Amino acid sequence: MAYSPRVKMRTIPTYKSHKKVQAIKIELIEPSPDQSKIVMTDHTGAYVAVVSAGYFYKHAPQVGGYYVKYKDGYESW
């Protein structure tokens, strides 16, 4: 369905999730010293997520976004 200015737009629904996840707000993104991984760090530098290049290219995380890891090991952005 194409957008029409005559159609009343609705706000996207909000849902509350029941899952617990690990997450950090990304402050810095840089390659590991050997260039094999991507290192994402929070603003304190205390929390670090090390991900594969495949993850990085699939999700294209950016500073200000969140790295998220689910209990089953799935990683998201």
N, C-alpha and C. Protein backbone atom coordinates (compact mmCIF):
# COMPACT_ATOMS: atom_id res chain seq x y z
N MET A 1 0.85 -1.17 0.00
CA MET A 1 0.00 0.00 0.00
C MET A 1 0.89 1.23 0.00
N ALA A 2 0.68 2.11 -0.92
CA ALA A 2 1.47 3.34 -1.03
C ALA A 2 0.96 4.38 -0.05
N TYR A 3 1.86 5.24 0.38
CA TYR A 3 1.49 6.31 1.30
C TYR A 3 0.60 7.31 0.59
N SER A 4 -0.42 7.74 1.23
CA SER A 4 -1.31 8.78 0.70
C SER A 4 -1.52 9.81 1.80
N PRO A 5 -1.41 11.10 1.49
CA PRO A 5 -1.62 12.12 2.53
C PRO A 5 -3.04 12.11 3.08
N ARG A 6 -3.97 11.45 2.40
CA ARG A 6 -5.35 11.38 2.89
C ARG A 6 -5.53 10.29 3.94
N VAL A 7 -4.54 9.39 4.06
CA VAL A 7 -4.62 8.30 5.03
C VAL A 7 -4.13 8.81 6.38
N LYS A 8 -4.93 8.59 7.42
CA LYS A 8 -4.52 9.00 8.76
C LYS A 8 -3.43 8.07 9.26
N MET A 9 -2.26 8.65 9.58
CA MET A 9 -1.13 7.85 10.06
C MET A 9 -1.32 7.54 11.53
N ARG A 10 -0.97 6.33 11.92
CA ARG A 10 -1.06 5.90 13.30
C ARG A 10 0.34 5.79 13.89
N THR A 11 0.43 5.96 15.19
CA THR A 11 1.69 5.76 15.90
C THR A 11 1.99 4.27 15.94
N ILE A 12 3.27 3.94 15.77
CA ILE A 12 3.69 2.54 15.84
C ILE A 12 3.41 2.01 17.24
N PRO A 13 2.85 0.81 17.36
CA PRO A 13 2.55 0.25 18.68
C PRO A 13 3.80 0.05 19.53
N THR A 14 3.64 0.12 20.83
CA THR A 14 4.71 -0.10 21.78
C THR A 14 4.44 -1.41 22.51
N TYR A 15 5.50 -2.21 22.68
CA TYR A 15 5.39 -3.49 23.35
C TYR A 15 6.44 -3.60 24.45
N LYS A 16 6.10 -4.30 25.51
CA LYS A 16 7.04 -4.53 26.59
C LYS A 16 7.58 -5.95 26.45
N SER A 17 8.88 -6.07 26.38
CA SER A 17 9.51 -7.38 26.24
C SER A 17 9.73 -8.01 27.61
N HIS A 18 9.70 -9.32 27.64
CA HIS A 18 9.93 -10.05 28.88
C HIS A 18 11.33 -10.65 28.94
N LYS A 19 12.11 -10.46 27.90
CA LYS A 19 13.44 -11.05 27.85
C LYS A 19 14.46 -10.19 28.60
N LYS A 20 15.40 -10.87 29.22
CA LYS A 20 16.54 -10.19 29.82
C LYS A 20 17.69 -10.30 28.83
N VAL A 21 18.37 -9.19 28.59
CA VAL A 21 19.47 -9.17 27.64
C VAL A 21 20.66 -8.45 28.26
N GLN A 22 21.83 -8.72 27.71
CA GLN A 22 23.01 -7.94 28.05
C GLN A 22 23.10 -6.85 26.99
N ALA A 23 23.43 -5.63 27.39
CA ALA A 23 23.51 -4.55 26.41
C ALA A 23 24.46 -3.46 26.90
N ILE A 24 25.11 -2.82 25.94
CA ILE A 24 25.90 -1.63 26.24
C ILE A 24 25.58 -0.57 25.19
N LYS A 25 25.58 0.67 25.63
CA LYS A 25 25.46 1.77 24.69
C LYS A 25 26.84 2.01 24.09
N ILE A 26 26.94 1.96 22.79
CA ILE A 26 28.23 2.01 22.10
C ILE A 26 28.76 3.43 22.06
N GLU A 27 29.96 3.61 22.58
CA GLU A 27 30.64 4.91 22.58
C GLU A 27 31.82 4.93 21.61
N LEU A 28 32.45 3.77 21.44
CA LEU A 28 33.64 3.70 20.60
C LEU A 28 33.64 2.38 19.84
N ILE A 29 33.95 2.43 18.54
CA ILE A 29 34.06 1.24 17.71
C ILE A 29 35.43 1.27 17.05
N GLU A 30 36.21 0.19 17.22
CA GLU A 30 37.53 0.14 16.60
C GLU A 30 37.93 -1.31 16.36
N PRO A 31 38.81 -1.54 15.39
CA PRO A 31 39.26 -2.91 15.14
C PRO A 31 40.20 -3.38 16.25
N SER A 32 40.25 -4.69 16.46
CA SER A 32 41.22 -5.25 17.41
C SER A 32 42.62 -5.05 16.83
N PRO A 33 43.65 -5.15 17.68
CA PRO A 33 45.02 -4.93 17.20
C PRO A 33 45.40 -5.80 15.99
N ASP A 34 44.89 -7.03 15.92
CA ASP A 34 45.22 -7.90 14.79
C ASP A 34 44.21 -7.80 13.64
N GLN A 35 43.25 -6.88 13.76
CA GLN A 35 42.25 -6.61 12.73
C GLN A 35 41.25 -7.75 12.51
N SER A 36 41.22 -8.75 13.38
CA SER A 36 40.35 -9.90 13.18
C SER A 36 38.96 -9.73 13.80
N LYS A 37 38.83 -8.80 14.72
CA LYS A 37 37.56 -8.57 15.43
C LYS A 37 37.29 -7.07 15.48
N ILE A 38 36.07 -6.74 15.88
CA ILE A 38 35.68 -5.35 16.11
C ILE A 38 35.40 -5.20 17.60
N VAL A 39 35.94 -4.16 18.20
CA VAL A 39 35.79 -3.91 19.63
C VAL A 39 34.87 -2.71 19.81
N MET A 40 33.81 -2.90 20.59
CA MET A 40 32.87 -1.82 20.90
C MET A 40 32.90 -1.58 22.40
N THR A 41 33.03 -0.34 22.80
CA THR A 41 33.21 0.01 24.20
C THR A 41 32.14 1.01 24.63
N ASP A 42 31.70 0.92 25.90
CA ASP A 42 30.76 1.91 26.42
C ASP A 42 31.50 3.17 26.84
N HIS A 43 30.78 4.17 27.33
CA HIS A 43 31.39 5.47 27.66
C HIS A 43 32.38 5.40 28.82
N THR A 44 32.27 4.39 29.67
CA THR A 44 33.20 4.28 30.81
C THR A 44 34.46 3.52 30.43
N GLY A 45 34.39 2.75 29.36
CA GLY A 45 35.50 1.90 28.97
C GLY A 45 35.55 0.61 29.77
N ALA A 46 34.64 0.47 30.73
CA ALA A 46 34.62 -0.72 31.59
C ALA A 46 33.94 -1.90 30.91
N TYR A 47 33.01 -1.64 30.00
CA TYR A 47 32.28 -2.71 29.34
C TYR A 47 32.66 -2.75 27.87
N VAL A 48 33.05 -3.93 27.42
CA VAL A 48 33.55 -4.10 26.07
C VAL A 48 32.85 -5.29 25.42
N ALA A 49 32.46 -5.13 24.17
CA ALA A 49 31.93 -6.23 23.37
C ALA A 49 32.87 -6.44 22.20
N VAL A 50 33.32 -7.67 22.04
CA VAL A 50 34.21 -8.01 20.93
C VAL A 50 33.40 -8.88 19.98
N VAL A 51 33.25 -8.42 18.74
CA VAL A 51 32.43 -9.14 17.76
C VAL A 51 33.22 -9.45 16.50
N SER A 52 32.71 -10.38 15.73
CA SER A 52 33.36 -10.75 14.47
C SER A 52 33.10 -9.70 13.41
N ALA A 53 33.91 -9.73 12.38
CA ALA A 53 33.70 -8.83 11.25
C ALA A 53 32.35 -9.13 10.60
N GLY A 54 31.94 -10.39 10.60
CA GLY A 54 30.63 -10.78 10.05
C GLY A 54 29.49 -10.09 10.77
N TYR A 55 29.54 -10.06 12.11
CA TYR A 55 28.53 -9.35 12.89
C TYR A 55 28.52 -7.88 12.50
N PHE A 56 29.71 -7.30 12.43
CA PHE A 56 29.82 -5.87 12.14
C PHE A 56 29.21 -5.53 10.79
N TYR A 57 29.49 -6.32 9.77
CA TYR A 57 28.96 -6.03 8.44
C TYR A 57 27.47 -6.35 8.33
N LYS A 58 27.00 -7.33 9.08
CA LYS A 58 25.57 -7.68 9.04
C LYS A 58 24.72 -6.60 9.72
N HIS A 59 25.17 -6.15 10.90
CA HIS A 59 24.35 -5.23 11.70
C HIS A 59 24.72 -3.76 11.55
N ALA A 60 25.93 -3.48 11.10
CA ALA A 60 26.42 -2.10 10.92
C ALA A 60 26.15 -1.22 12.15
N PRO A 61 26.63 -1.64 13.33
CA PRO A 61 26.40 -0.84 14.54
C PRO A 61 27.06 0.52 14.43
N GLN A 62 26.48 1.48 15.15
CA GLN A 62 27.00 2.84 15.14
C GLN A 62 27.09 3.37 16.56
N VAL A 63 27.99 4.32 16.75
CA VAL A 63 28.13 4.99 18.05
C VAL A 63 26.77 5.60 18.42
N GLY A 64 26.38 5.41 19.68
CA GLY A 64 25.09 5.91 20.16
C GLY A 64 24.02 4.84 20.18
N GLY A 65 24.24 3.76 19.42
CA GLY A 65 23.30 2.65 19.42
C GLY A 65 23.67 1.66 20.52
N TYR A 66 22.96 0.56 20.56
CA TYR A 66 23.19 -0.44 21.60
C TYR A 66 23.59 -1.78 21.00
N TYR A 67 24.62 -2.38 21.57
CA TYR A 67 24.97 -3.77 21.29
C TYR A 67 24.14 -4.60 22.26
N VAL A 68 23.46 -5.63 21.74
CA VAL A 68 22.58 -6.44 22.57
C VAL A 68 22.92 -7.92 22.37
N LYS A 69 23.04 -8.65 23.48
CA LYS A 69 23.30 -10.09 23.43
C LYS A 69 22.23 -10.80 24.23
N TYR A 70 21.54 -11.72 23.56
CA TYR A 70 20.47 -12.48 24.19
C TYR A 70 21.02 -13.69 24.91
N LYS A 71 20.22 -14.27 25.81
CA LYS A 71 20.63 -15.40 26.63
C LYS A 71 21.09 -16.59 25.78
N ASP A 72 20.49 -16.76 24.59
CA ASP A 72 20.86 -17.88 23.72
C ASP A 72 22.12 -17.60 22.89
N GLY A 73 22.73 -16.43 23.12
CA GLY A 73 23.97 -16.09 22.43
C GLY A 73 23.78 -15.22 21.19
N TYR A 74 22.54 -15.03 20.75
CA TYR A 74 22.30 -14.20 19.56
C TYR A 74 22.70 -12.76 19.86
N GLU A 75 23.40 -12.16 18.92
CA GLU A 75 23.86 -10.77 19.07
C GLU A 75 23.11 -9.88 18.10
N SER A 76 22.75 -8.70 18.57
CA SER A 76 21.98 -7.78 17.75
C SER A 76 22.47 -6.35 17.98
N TRP A 77 21.95 -5.44 17.20
CA TRP A 77 22.24 -4.02 17.36
C TRP A 77 20.96 -3.28 17.35
